[in-house]
């Protein structure tokens, strides 16, 4: 059944609430799943059992497509909209396709970014469920993480047998809400029976190592082992103290036994979607779960997933971290751009959301566009470093001109992309993505010579340098004394064979959000290096990175309400 398209296009929430949503059993059956494969969560959502992989182990895998983007701007590039729209386009063309995406954090949903279900006529539905609690996975992650933190403080309360260094406790509690007032707090202030006083703080739940572990675990046994390897603190001699030593990893696994199963939903045009995990790509690895992708690749001929923020962030981590642990390699990279975002990269303008855009961004300006294309060119080159074909998707806006599109096409091909193709899925649903889908199908049939950016057996600094120079375009790396000490310590502990998960701003190829385009002549400052041993990576902190976002003066929650039983204000 085709979607009834309206012009002007209604709000995302209005479109989602007017949608025909089919029983999830029907959607599951369309890709060969039975009721025994599902754990139902009402009529429109269901968990998928991991045992499906065993039943389908001899079935050939589908084509693996990862959607990424140019460096984000406040204008938005529509990466998730393109991801969903591309899947809908493949679906209406008669292809067997599944989408694998992350569950949004409620921090951005109630903050400034809004939800992450796509937009216009390219969405996951029910949109309200998707953007809010869904099936409770993020809450389960928060509970498991905070149980671990409680175990640390309980150990201190009862004598500190492991001689934990009070200044080297590495885990902080989490909550899935933006709350800057919790970044630095004091606990244990009530008295002798109210805990050991110390300084600590909160992170947002999606920054939790438990979230990263869930996304990278390949089985419940792997999950249990990774949780046990979590380093929660160092003792006074510099030795690591783990969740296994605190005897809490088993209980954490119990809290996550349902959360390890991905949740099946559907697009507006009824193609199946697996929603699972939700780490940010600027402070974590920024990709959905390995198990969701493994299941989807056995059920469909094409699997479309996305990685967070630009290609220098989520895509780099997809390739160097996720692909290492999954053993999966992509057939095609789709790089999303918009004309106006590229012009912003070339203009140097400071755009404020809610204010009228400069006329140069909404009318033809080839000079700004050509200059801004440097960012797209660099991100294409970044993707090509992994040996995978690249297709540029230009998310269309009404003010875009053919001359601007032709310039983008030329610059994209010169940089090594298959081509640049207009995507109109926001206003036209799957039909508006046919040209893009055909290009992706063709790209998936091209030879792919996948390779990692760096081997694991080189020193920590060499891995950091490889990412900084090759992906970001830095002239080199400068390390603080704290970072130097951590690198020496982690090398001594044997963590130097882990991949890197760089934590930096997503708003620039550099560490400085103000440097747009493809900046040159700069060096990357690394102020600290931390270890997520359970997840299986080290994360260098570059510049001023926050693991607990704050709220603006007028957050999105001001517009959200329940009127006559109907959710309003989500976007």
Protein backbone atom coordinates (compact mmCIF):
# COMPACT_ATOMS: atom_id res chain seq x y z
CA UNK A 1 0.00 0.00 0.00
CA UNK A 2 1.54 3.32 -1.06
CA UNK A 3 1.74 6.33 1.25
CA UNK A 4 -0.60 9.24 0.57
CA UNK A 5 1.84 12.11 0.11
CA UNK A 6 0.73 15.60 1.11
CA UNK A 7 2.12 18.96 0.02
CA UNK A 8 3.11 20.87 2.05
CA UNK A 9 4.62 18.00 4.01
CA UNK A 10 3.06 17.77 7.53
CA UNK A 11 5.15 17.55 10.69
CA UNK A 12 7.03 14.32 11.39
CA UNK A 13 4.71 13.52 14.29
CA UNK A 14 1.56 14.17 12.23
CA UNK A 15 2.83 11.88 9.47
CA UNK A 16 3.75 9.16 11.96
CA UNK A 17 0.43 9.33 13.80
CA UNK A 18 -1.51 9.13 10.51
CA UNK A 19 0.47 6.10 9.30
CA UNK A 20 -0.92 2.63 8.76
CA UNK A 21 1.08 0.46 11.17
CA UNK A 22 0.89 -3.24 10.48
CA UNK A 23 1.12 -5.94 13.17
CA UNK A 24 4.79 -6.64 13.79
CA UNK A 25 4.10 -10.36 13.27
CA UNK A 26 3.37 -9.56 9.59
CA UNK A 27 6.56 -7.56 9.20
CA UNK A 28 8.59 -10.35 10.82
CA UNK A 29 6.95 -12.99 8.64
CA UNK A 30 7.90 -11.02 5.51
CA UNK A 31 11.57 -11.86 6.17
CA UNK A 32 10.99 -15.42 7.34
CA UNK A 33 10.69 -15.01 11.11
CA UNK A 34 8.19 -17.09 13.05
CA UNK A 35 6.41 -16.33 16.32
CA UNK A 36 8.92 -18.59 18.08
CA UNK A 37 11.65 -16.17 16.99
CA UNK A 38 9.93 -13.22 18.65
CA UNK A 39 9.31 -11.84 22.13
CA UNK A 40 6.27 -9.60 21.69
CA UNK A 41 6.09 -6.07 23.14
CA UNK A 42 2.54 -5.18 22.18
CA UNK A 43 1.32 -5.29 18.57
CA UNK A 44 3.92 -3.07 16.91
CA UNK A 45 7.24 -4.09 18.50
CA UNK A 46 8.99 -7.38 19.19
CA UNK A 47 12.36 -8.55 20.42
CA UNK A 48 14.16 -11.00 18.12
CA UNK A 49 15.86 -14.01 19.71
CA UNK A 50 19.57 -14.40 18.94
CA UNK A 51 19.04 -18.08 18.18
CA UNK A 52 17.75 -16.98 14.76
CA UNK A 53 21.40 -16.79 13.69
CA UNK A 54 21.91 -20.48 14.43
CA UNK A 55 18.85 -21.48 12.40
CA UNK A 56 20.04 -19.41 9.43
CA UNK A 57 23.78 -20.04 9.74
CA UNK A 58 24.04 -21.70 6.31
CA UNK A 59 22.14 -18.94 4.49
CA UNK A 60 24.27 -16.52 2.40
CA UNK A 61 24.69 -13.03 3.81
CA UNK A 62 23.15 -9.97 2.23
CA UNK A 63 24.91 -6.81 1.07
CA UNK A 64 26.06 -4.54 3.90
CA UNK A 65 25.56 -0.76 3.47
CA UNK A 66 26.73 1.84 6.00
CA UNK A 67 25.32 5.37 5.82
CA UNK A 68 27.49 8.22 7.09
CA UNK A 69 27.76 11.96 6.38
CA UNK A 70 29.84 15.06 5.92
CA UNK A 71 30.80 16.90 9.10
CA UNK A 72 27.47 17.88 10.74
CA UNK A 73 26.22 21.45 10.90
CA UNK A 74 23.35 22.95 12.94
CA UNK A 75 21.28 22.80 9.73
CA UNK A 76 21.17 19.00 9.77
CA UNK A 77 22.08 16.70 6.90
CA UNK A 78 19.24 14.17 7.20
CA UNK A 79 21.42 11.09 7.67
CA UNK A 80 18.78 9.00 9.44
CA UNK A 81 16.11 10.23 7.02
CA UNK A 82 18.34 9.07 4.16
CA UNK A 83 19.00 5.74 5.88
CA UNK A 84 15.30 5.04 6.30
CA UNK A 85 14.40 6.48 2.87
CA UNK A 86 17.04 4.36 1.11
CA UNK A 87 15.61 1.26 2.79
CA UNK A 88 12.09 2.26 1.75
CA UNK A 89 13.30 2.81 -1.82
CA UNK A 90 14.89 -0.63 -1.98
CA UNK A 91 11.69 -2.09 -0.50
CA UNK A 92 9.32 -0.49 -3.02
CA UNK A 93 11.67 -1.63 -5.79
CA UNK A 94 10.97 -5.20 -4.67
CA UNK A 95 14.27 -5.83 -2.90
CA UNK A 96 14.56 -7.75 0.37
CA UNK A 97 15.90 -5.15 2.77
CA UNK A 98 16.28 -4.52 6.49
CA UNK A 99 17.39 -1.41 8.36
CA UNK A 100 19.56 -1.52 11.50
CA UNK A 101 19.72 1.68 13.54
CA UNK A 102 20.37 2.90 17.07
CA UNK A 103 17.78 3.68 19.71
CA UNK A 104 17.84 7.43 20.46
CA UNK A 105 18.81 8.73 23.86
CA UNK A 106 16.13 10.75 25.62
CA UNK A 107 18.79 13.37 26.32
CA UNK A 108 18.71 14.74 22.74
CA UNK A 109 15.00 13.92 22.39
CA UNK A 110 14.17 16.36 25.19
CA UNK A 111 17.17 18.59 24.52
CA UNK A 112 17.87 20.36 21.24
CA UNK A 113 18.33 17.65 18.58
CA UNK A 114 14.96 15.95 18.91
CA UNK A 115 14.34 12.31 18.10
CA UNK A 116 16.07 10.02 15.62
CA UNK A 117 13.27 8.19 13.80
CA UNK A 118 14.00 9.85 10.45
CA UNK A 119 11.85 12.61 9.03
CA UNK A 120 9.05 13.46 6.65
CA UNK A 121 7.90 10.39 4.72
CA UNK A 122 11.02 8.40 5.67
CA UNK A 123 10.47 7.33 9.26
CA UNK A 124 10.37 4.42 11.69
CA UNK A 125 7.00 3.94 13.35
CA UNK A 126 5.52 4.12 15.94
CA UNK A 127 7.60 7.29 16.17
CA UNK A 128 6.62 8.05 19.78
CA UNK A 129 7.70 4.60 20.99
CA UNK A 130 10.94 4.77 19.04
CA UNK A 131 11.96 8.15 20.52
CA UNK A 132 10.96 7.40 24.11
CA UNK A 133 11.31 4.21 26.18
CA UNK A 134 10.94 1.66 23.33
CA UNK A 135 11.43 -1.73 25.05
CA UNK A 136 13.44 -0.39 27.97
CA UNK A 137 16.97 -1.31 26.82
CA UNK A 138 18.56 2.01 27.80
CA UNK A 139 16.97 1.79 31.26
CA UNK A 140 18.36 -1.75 31.64
CA UNK A 141 21.81 -0.50 30.66
CA UNK A 142 21.54 2.32 33.20
CA UNK A 143 20.46 -0.13 35.92
CA UNK A 144 23.35 -2.51 35.18
CA UNK A 145 25.87 0.33 35.08
CA UNK A 146 24.62 1.90 38.32
CA UNK A 147 24.62 -1.50 40.04
CA UNK A 148 28.33 -1.66 39.23
CA UNK A 149 28.88 1.82 40.69
CA UNK A 150 26.95 0.82 43.78
CA UNK A 151 29.17 -2.26 44.12
CA UNK A 152 32.27 -0.05 44.05
CA UNK A 153 30.95 2.20 46.83
CA UNK A 154 29.73 -0.79 48.81
CA UNK A 155 33.23 -2.27 48.62
CA UNK A 156 34.68 0.98 49.96
CA UNK A 157 32.08 1.04 52.74
CA UNK A 158 33.02 -2.43 53.94
CA UNK A 159 36.77 -2.07 54.29
CA UNK A 160 38.17 -1.69 50.76
CA UNK A 161 39.87 -5.09 50.64
CA UNK A 162 41.17 -4.41 47.12
CA UNK A 163 42.87 -1.20 48.29
CA UNK A 164 41.12 0.87 45.62
CA UNK A 165 42.75 4.25 45.08
CA UNK A 166 40.03 6.80 45.82
CA UNK A 167 41.49 9.05 43.11
CA UNK A 168 41.48 6.30 40.49
CA UNK A 169 37.83 5.19 40.39
CA UNK A 170 37.00 5.03 36.70
CA UNK A 171 33.21 4.60 36.64
CA UNK A 172 30.60 7.29 37.25
CA UNK A 173 26.86 6.80 37.54
CA UNK A 174 24.63 7.41 34.51
CA UNK A 175 21.18 8.75 33.64
CA UNK A 176 19.54 9.09 30.21
CA UNK A 177 18.73 12.78 30.58
CA UNK A 178 20.82 15.89 29.83
CA UNK A 179 21.69 17.33 33.26
CA UNK A 180 24.82 19.48 33.54
CA UNK A 181 24.34 19.91 37.31
CA UNK A 182 25.36 16.25 37.76
CA UNK A 183 28.69 16.53 35.93
CA UNK A 184 30.58 16.99 39.22
CA UNK A 185 29.06 16.01 42.56
CA UNK A 186 30.01 14.86 46.06
CA UNK A 187 28.53 11.65 47.46
CA UNK A 188 28.52 9.95 50.86
CA UNK A 189 27.81 13.21 52.69
CA UNK A 190 25.22 11.95 55.14
CA UNK A 191 27.34 10.23 57.76
CA UNK A 192 29.10 6.96 58.57
CA UNK A 193 26.26 4.74 57.36
CA UNK A 194 25.65 6.78 54.20
CA UNK A 195 28.69 5.82 52.18
CA UNK A 196 32.31 6.91 51.87
CA UNK A 197 32.56 10.60 50.92
CA UNK A 198 34.21 11.24 47.56
CA UNK A 199 34.02 13.39 44.44
CA UNK A 200 32.35 11.86 41.40
CA UNK A 201 29.74 12.72 38.76
CA UNK A 202 27.23 11.45 36.24
CA UNK A 203 27.51 10.64 32.54
CA UNK A 204 24.64 10.22 30.09
CA UNK A 205 23.68 6.55 29.77
CA UNK A 206 24.66 6.26 26.11
CA UNK A 207 28.24 7.17 27.14
CA UNK A 208 28.33 4.16 29.48
CA UNK A 209 30.82 1.41 28.73
CA UNK A 210 27.94 -0.99 29.34
CA UNK A 211 26.19 0.52 26.30
CA UNK A 212 29.33 0.02 24.20
CA UNK A 213 29.66 -3.55 25.48
CA UNK A 214 26.08 -4.40 24.61
CA UNK A 215 26.57 -3.02 21.10
CA UNK A 216 29.79 -4.99 20.52
CA UNK A 217 28.91 -8.28 22.24
CA UNK A 218 28.18 -11.19 19.91
CA UNK A 219 26.37 -13.47 22.39
CA UNK A 220 25.14 -13.57 25.98
CA UNK A 221 28.35 -15.41 26.91
CA UNK A 222 30.46 -12.73 25.23
CA UNK A 223 28.41 -10.08 27.03
CA UNK A 224 29.06 -11.75 30.39
CA UNK A 225 32.79 -11.98 29.71
CA UNK A 226 33.05 -8.35 28.60
CA UNK A 227 31.16 -7.09 31.64
CA UNK A 228 33.54 -9.03 33.87
CA UNK A 229 36.55 -7.38 32.18
CA UNK A 230 35.31 -3.86 32.91
CA UNK A 231 38.01 -1.98 34.81
CA UNK A 232 36.24 -0.02 37.54
CA UNK A 233 39.26 1.36 39.38
CA UNK A 234 42.98 1.07 40.03
CA UNK A 235 44.41 0.06 43.36
CA UNK A 236 47.09 2.01 45.23
CA UNK A 237 49.79 0.04 43.37
CA UNK A 238 48.32 0.83 39.94
CA UNK A 239 46.77 -2.60 39.36
CA UNK A 240 43.31 -2.81 37.82
CA UNK A 241 40.19 -3.78 39.76
CA UNK A 242 37.44 -5.35 37.64
CA UNK A 243 33.72 -5.98 37.81
CA UNK A 244 34.56 -9.69 38.02
CA UNK A 245 36.60 -9.12 41.17
CA UNK A 246 33.68 -7.24 42.71
CA UNK A 247 31.46 -10.25 41.86
CA UNK A 248 28.84 -8.04 40.19
CA UNK A 249 29.23 -8.99 36.49
CA UNK A 250 26.79 -11.90 36.76
CA UNK A 251 24.03 -9.73 38.19
CA UNK A 252 24.70 -7.10 35.50
CA UNK A 253 24.27 -9.78 32.84
CA UNK A 254 20.92 -10.81 34.34
CA UNK A 255 19.71 -7.20 34.04
CA UNK A 256 20.69 -7.24 30.34
CA UNK A 257 19.42 -10.69 29.32
CA UNK A 258 16.48 -9.21 27.39
CA UNK A 259 18.26 -6.02 26.33
CA UNK A 260 20.74 -8.04 24.24
CA UNK A 261 17.92 -8.88 21.82
CA UNK A 262 17.29 -6.25 19.10
CA UNK A 263 13.80 -4.78 18.71
CA UNK A 264 11.92 -5.13 15.43
CA UNK A 265 9.84 -2.20 14.14
CA UNK A 266 8.84 -0.99 10.66
CA UNK A 267 9.23 1.95 8.29
CA UNK A 268 6.29 3.96 6.96
CA UNK A 269 6.33 1.67 3.92
CA UNK A 270 6.44 -1.48 6.06
CA UNK A 271 10.01 -2.64 5.53
CA UNK A 272 11.48 -4.23 8.68
CA UNK A 273 13.77 -2.34 11.05
CA UNK A 274 15.96 -3.63 13.87
CA UNK A 275 16.57 -1.03 16.60
CA UNK A 276 19.34 -1.75 19.08
CA UNK A 277 21.75 0.18 21.32
CA UNK A 278 22.53 3.86 21.11
CA UNK A 279 26.10 4.99 21.81
CA UNK A 280 27.09 8.52 20.67
CA UNK A 281 29.89 8.66 18.08
CA UNK A 282 31.73 11.64 19.57
CA UNK A 283 32.26 9.99 22.98
CA UNK A 284 31.77 6.30 22.07
CA UNK A 285 31.78 4.19 18.91
CA UNK A 286 28.43 5.43 17.64
CA UNK A 287 26.94 2.35 15.99
CA UNK A 288 24.06 -0.05 16.57
CA UNK A 289 24.71 -3.59 17.72
CA UNK A 290 26.67 -6.32 16.02
CA UNK A 291 23.94 -8.90 16.77
CA UNK A 292 21.28 -6.82 14.97
CA UNK A 293 23.45 -6.64 11.86
CA UNK A 294 24.27 -10.34 12.01
CA UNK A 295 20.58 -11.26 12.19
CA UNK A 296 19.57 -8.83 9.44
CA UNK A 297 22.29 -10.00 7.06
CA UNK A 298 20.88 -13.52 7.25
CA UNK A 299 17.29 -12.37 6.71
CA UNK A 300 17.62 -9.82 3.89
CA UNK A 301 19.52 -9.29 0.65
CA UNK A 302 20.36 -5.69 1.60
CA UNK A 303 21.03 -4.34 5.10
CA UNK A 304 21.22 -0.57 5.58
CA UNK A 305 22.79 0.66 8.80
CA UNK A 306 24.16 4.04 9.87
CA UNK A 307 27.04 5.33 11.95
CA UNK A 308 26.91 8.44 14.09
CA UNK A 309 27.89 11.96 12.96
CA UNK A 310 30.41 12.39 10.12
CA UNK A 311 32.60 9.82 8.40
CA UNK A 312 35.56 10.87 10.56
CA UNK A 313 33.60 9.84 13.65
CA UNK A 314 31.06 6.99 13.50
CA UNK A 315 32.22 5.53 10.18
CA UNK A 316 35.87 5.38 11.22
CA UNK A 317 34.81 3.58 14.40
CA UNK A 318 32.44 1.33 12.44
CA UNK A 319 35.37 0.21 10.29
CA UNK A 320 38.15 0.00 12.87
CA UNK A 321 36.18 -1.20 15.91
CA UNK A 322 32.83 -2.71 14.97
CA UNK A 323 34.08 -4.57 11.89
CA UNK A 324 37.03 -6.00 13.87
CA UNK A 325 34.74 -7.55 16.49
CA UNK A 326 31.94 -8.62 14.13
CA UNK A 327 34.03 -10.00 11.27
CA UNK A 328 31.61 -8.23 8.91
CA UNK A 329 32.76 -5.85 6.17
CA UNK A 330 30.63 -3.33 4.25
CA UNK A 331 29.94 -3.46 0.52
CA UNK A 332 29.14 0.24 0.17
CA UNK A 333 29.40 3.55 2.04
CA UNK A 334 26.66 6.15 1.51
CA UNK A 335 27.85 9.67 2.38
CA UNK A 336 25.00 12.12 3.05
CA UNK A 337 25.38 15.82 2.28
CA UNK A 338 23.16 18.83 1.62
CA UNK A 339 23.82 21.83 -0.58
CA UNK A 340 23.17 24.30 2.22
CA UNK A 341 25.38 22.45 4.73
CA UNK A 342 28.26 22.40 2.26
CA UNK A 343 27.74 26.12 1.66
CA UNK A 344 27.90 26.67 5.41
CA UNK A 345 31.22 24.80 5.52
CA UNK A 346 32.48 27.16 2.84
CA UNK A 347 31.08 30.36 4.32
CA UNK A 348 32.49 30.54 7.82
CA UNK A 349 29.09 31.78 9.03
CA UNK A 350 27.88 31.06 12.56
CA UNK A 351 24.34 29.75 12.10
CA UNK A 352 21.91 29.95 15.02
CA UNK A 353 18.96 27.56 14.97
CA UNK A 354 15.59 29.34 14.90
CA UNK A 355 16.93 32.45 13.21
CA UNK A 356 16.40 33.27 9.54
CA UNK A 357 19.09 31.80 7.32
CA UNK A 358 21.30 34.13 5.24
CA UNK A 359 20.06 34.45 1.67
CA UNK A 360 23.38 33.03 0.41
CA UNK A 361 22.51 29.67 1.98
CA UNK A 362 19.04 29.51 0.43
CA UNK A 363 19.98 30.76 -3.06
CA UNK A 364 22.60 29.68 -5.55
CA UNK A 365 26.12 30.40 -4.38
CA UNK A 366 28.68 28.31 -6.23
CA UNK A 367 31.67 30.02 -4.59
CA UNK A 368 30.66 29.02 -1.06
CA UNK A 369 29.58 25.59 -2.26
CA UNK A 370 32.84 24.88 -4.06
CA UNK A 371 34.84 25.88 -0.98
CA UNK A 372 32.62 23.82 1.32
CA UNK A 373 32.93 20.75 -0.91
CA UNK A 374 36.40 20.34 0.60
CA UNK A 375 34.71 18.70 3.58
CA UNK A 376 32.80 16.26 1.38
CA UNK A 377 35.97 15.48 -0.58
CA UNK A 378 37.89 14.71 2.62
CA UNK A 379 35.12 12.47 3.94
CA UNK A 380 34.96 10.58 0.62
CA UNK A 381 38.71 10.08 0.82
CA UNK A 382 38.32 8.88 4.41
CA UNK A 383 35.83 6.21 3.33
CA UNK A 384 37.98 5.17 0.38
CA UNK A 385 40.92 4.52 2.72
CA UNK A 386 39.03 1.41 3.83
CA UNK A 387 38.74 0.11 0.26
CA UNK A 388 34.94 0.39 0.02
CA UNK A 389 32.93 2.04 -2.84
CA UNK A 390 31.34 5.38 -1.90
CA UNK A 391 28.02 6.83 -3.09
CA UNK A 392 27.16 10.44 -2.20
CA UNK A 393 23.49 11.09 -1.33
CA UNK A 394 22.47 14.74 -1.62
CA UNK A 395 19.45 15.28 0.60
CA UNK A 396 17.30 17.62 -1.49
CA UNK A 397 15.90 21.01 -0.46
CA UNK A 398 13.58 23.11 -2.57
CA UNK A 399 16.14 25.90 -3.12
CA UNK A 400 18.84 23.60 -4.54
CA UNK A 401 19.76 24.36 -8.16
CA UNK A 402 20.97 22.10 -10.95
CA UNK A 403 24.22 24.07 -11.19
CA UNK A 404 24.89 23.34 -7.51
CA UNK A 405 24.11 19.66 -7.98
CA UNK A 406 26.39 19.45 -10.99
CA UNK A 407 29.24 20.99 -8.97
CA UNK A 408 28.75 18.43 -6.20
CA UNK A 409 28.63 15.58 -8.74
CA UNK A 410 31.90 16.69 -10.31
CA UNK A 411 33.73 17.16 -7.02
CA UNK A 412 32.43 13.81 -5.69
CA UNK A 413 33.62 11.82 -8.70
CA UNK A 414 36.99 13.59 -8.70
CA UNK A 415 37.40 12.55 -5.05
CA UNK A 416 36.78 8.89 -5.86
CA UNK A 417 33.03 8.44 -5.28
CA UNK A 418 30.86 6.42 -7.65
CA UNK A 419 28.76 9.57 -8.04
CA UNK A 420 26.42 11.96 -6.27
CA UNK A 421 22.67 11.35 -6.43
CA UNK A 422 19.69 13.41 -5.32
CA UNK A 423 17.56 11.96 -2.52
CA UNK A 424 13.98 13.25 -2.18
CA UNK A 425 12.79 10.68 0.36
CA UNK A 426 11.73 13.31 2.94
CA UNK A 427 8.90 14.53 0.72
CA UNK A 428 8.41 11.55 -1.61
CA UNK A 429 9.11 8.48 0.57
CA UNK A 430 10.75 5.49 -1.12
CA UNK A 431 9.87 6.68 -4.61
CA UNK A 432 12.08 9.71 -4.02
CA UNK A 433 15.09 7.49 -3.37
CA UNK A 434 14.98 5.27 -6.44
CA UNK A 435 17.95 6.93 -8.19
CA UNK A 436 20.03 6.65 -5.02
CA UNK A 437 18.96 3.04 -4.45
CA UNK A 438 19.93 2.04 -7.99
CA UNK A 439 23.35 3.60 -7.49
CA UNK A 440 23.79 1.75 -4.19
CA UNK A 441 22.80 -1.57 -5.75
CA UNK A 442 25.38 -1.01 -8.48
CA UNK A 443 28.06 0.01 -5.94
CA UNK A 444 27.40 -3.11 -3.87
CA UNK A 445 28.22 -5.22 -6.94
CA UNK A 446 31.62 -3.54 -7.36
CA UNK A 447 34.75 -5.18 -5.97
CA UNK A 448 35.43 -4.20 -2.35
CA UNK A 449 38.95 -4.53 -0.98
CA UNK A 450 38.28 -3.84 2.68
CA UNK A 451 41.21 -3.00 4.91
CA UNK A 452 41.68 -1.54 8.38
CA UNK A 453 43.38 1.82 8.83
CA UNK A 454 45.92 0.40 11.28
CA UNK A 455 47.02 -2.98 12.73
CA UNK A 456 46.44 -3.68 16.42
CA UNK A 457 50.02 -4.67 17.21
CA UNK A 458 51.49 -1.17 16.85
CA UNK A 459 51.97 1.19 19.82
CA UNK A 460 49.06 3.25 21.16
CA UNK A 461 50.54 6.51 19.90
CA UNK A 462 50.98 5.13 16.39
CA UNK A 463 47.27 4.25 16.24
CA UNK A 464 46.27 7.70 17.47
CA UNK A 465 48.62 9.30 14.94
CA UNK A 466 47.18 7.21 12.10
CA UNK A 467 43.64 8.43 12.82
CA UNK A 468 44.72 12.03 13.43
CA UNK A 469 46.78 12.33 10.24
CA UNK A 470 44.89 10.07 7.84
CA UNK A 471 41.27 10.75 8.87
CA UNK A 472 41.30 14.19 10.49
CA UNK A 473 44.09 15.78 8.43
CA UNK A 474 46.18 16.85 11.44
CA UNK A 475 49.88 17.62 11.16
CA UNK A 476 50.52 15.60 14.31
CA UNK A 477 49.45 14.94 17.91
CA UNK A 478 50.36 16.68 21.17
CA UNK A 479 49.96 14.73 24.43
CA UNK A 480 49.40 16.19 27.89
CA UNK A 481 51.46 14.77 30.76
CA UNK A 482 48.31 12.96 31.96
CA UNK A 483 47.88 11.33 28.57
CA UNK A 484 51.55 10.31 28.47
CA UNK A 485 51.20 8.70 31.90
CA UNK A 486 48.03 6.83 30.90
CA UNK A 487 49.61 5.54 27.69
CA UNK A 488 52.59 4.20 29.63
CA UNK A 489 50.31 2.66 32.25
CA UNK A 490 47.97 1.02 29.71
CA UNK A 491 50.92 -0.33 27.75
CA UNK A 492 52.28 -1.91 30.94
CA UNK A 493 48.86 -3.44 31.68
CA UNK A 494 48.70 -4.96 28.17
CA UNK A 495 45.92 -2.73 26.81
CA UNK A 496 48.08 -1.45 23.95
CA UNK A 497 46.70 -4.08 21.55
CA UNK A 498 43.21 -2.55 21.65
CA UNK A 499 41.77 -0.30 18.90
CA UNK A 500 41.24 3.42 19.48
CA UNK A 501 37.86 5.11 19.99
CA UNK A 502 38.65 8.82 19.62
CA UNK A 503 36.54 11.23 21.68
CA UNK A 504 36.37 14.64 20.00
CA UNK A 505 33.90 17.17 18.71
CA UNK A 506 31.69 15.99 15.87
CA UNK A 507 31.35 19.54 14.51
CA UNK A 508 34.77 19.64 12.86
CA UNK A 509 37.34 17.31 11.36
CA UNK A 510 39.61 18.83 14.01
CA UNK A 511 39.20 19.07 17.78
CA UNK A 512 37.97 22.68 17.42
CA UNK A 513 34.27 23.03 16.55
CA UNK A 514 34.92 26.41 14.95
CA UNK A 515 37.19 24.96 12.22
CA UNK A 516 34.90 23.99 9.35
CA UNK A 517 35.54 22.55 5.91
CA UNK A 518 38.78 20.55 5.77
CA UNK A 519 41.17 22.48 8.03
CA UNK A 520 44.93 22.15 7.60
CA UNK A 521 47.97 23.28 9.57
CA UNK A 522 46.81 22.16 13.00
CA UNK A 523 47.77 19.55 15.62
CA UNK A 524 45.47 17.32 17.65
CA UNK A 525 45.70 17.76 21.45
CA UNK A 526 45.13 14.59 23.49
CA UNK A 527 44.50 15.56 27.12
CA UNK A 528 43.81 12.09 28.51
CA UNK A 529 43.43 8.44 27.49
CA UNK A 530 40.91 6.16 29.17
CA UNK A 531 40.29 2.43 28.95
CA UNK A 532 37.07 0.60 28.13
CA UNK A 533 38.57 -2.86 28.47
CA UNK A 534 35.23 -4.66 28.55
CA UNK A 535 34.08 -2.95 25.36
CA UNK A 536 37.50 -3.56 23.89
CA UNK A 537 38.97 -0.14 23.11
CA UNK A 538 40.91 2.80 24.49
CA UNK A 539 39.43 6.25 24.13
CA UNK A 540 41.70 9.26 23.86
CA UNK A 541 40.05 12.55 24.89
CA UNK A 542 40.76 15.29 22.37
CA UNK A 543 40.02 18.86 23.36
CA UNK A 544 37.15 19.70 25.71
CA UNK A 545 34.73 16.75 25.52
CA UNK A 546 31.66 16.35 27.75
CA UNK A 547 30.19 12.96 28.67
CA UNK A 548 27.11 14.64 30.17
CA UNK A 549 25.38 17.14 27.85
CA UNK A 550 23.51 20.19 29.14
CA UNK A 551 20.20 21.72 28.16
CA UNK A 552 19.58 24.95 26.24
CA UNK A 553 17.47 27.80 27.59
CA UNK A 554 14.43 26.46 25.70
CA UNK A 555 14.80 22.66 25.45
CA UNK A 556 12.61 20.48 23.28
CA UNK A 557 10.73 19.18 26.33
CA UNK A 558 8.93 22.54 26.56
CA UNK A 559 6.92 21.57 23.48
CA UNK A 560 6.12 17.97 24.45
CA UNK A 561 2.78 17.17 26.06
CA UNK A 562 -0.10 14.72 26.14
CA UNK A 563 -3.34 16.24 24.82
CA UNK A 564 -6.51 14.12 24.85
CA UNK A 565 -4.37 11.01 25.09
CA UNK A 566 -2.23 11.99 22.10
CA UNK A 567 1.48 12.88 22.21
CA UNK A 568 2.26 16.32 20.79
CA UNK A 569 5.51 18.22 20.29
CA UNK A 570 7.95 15.41 19.49
CA UNK A 571 10.12 15.91 16.42
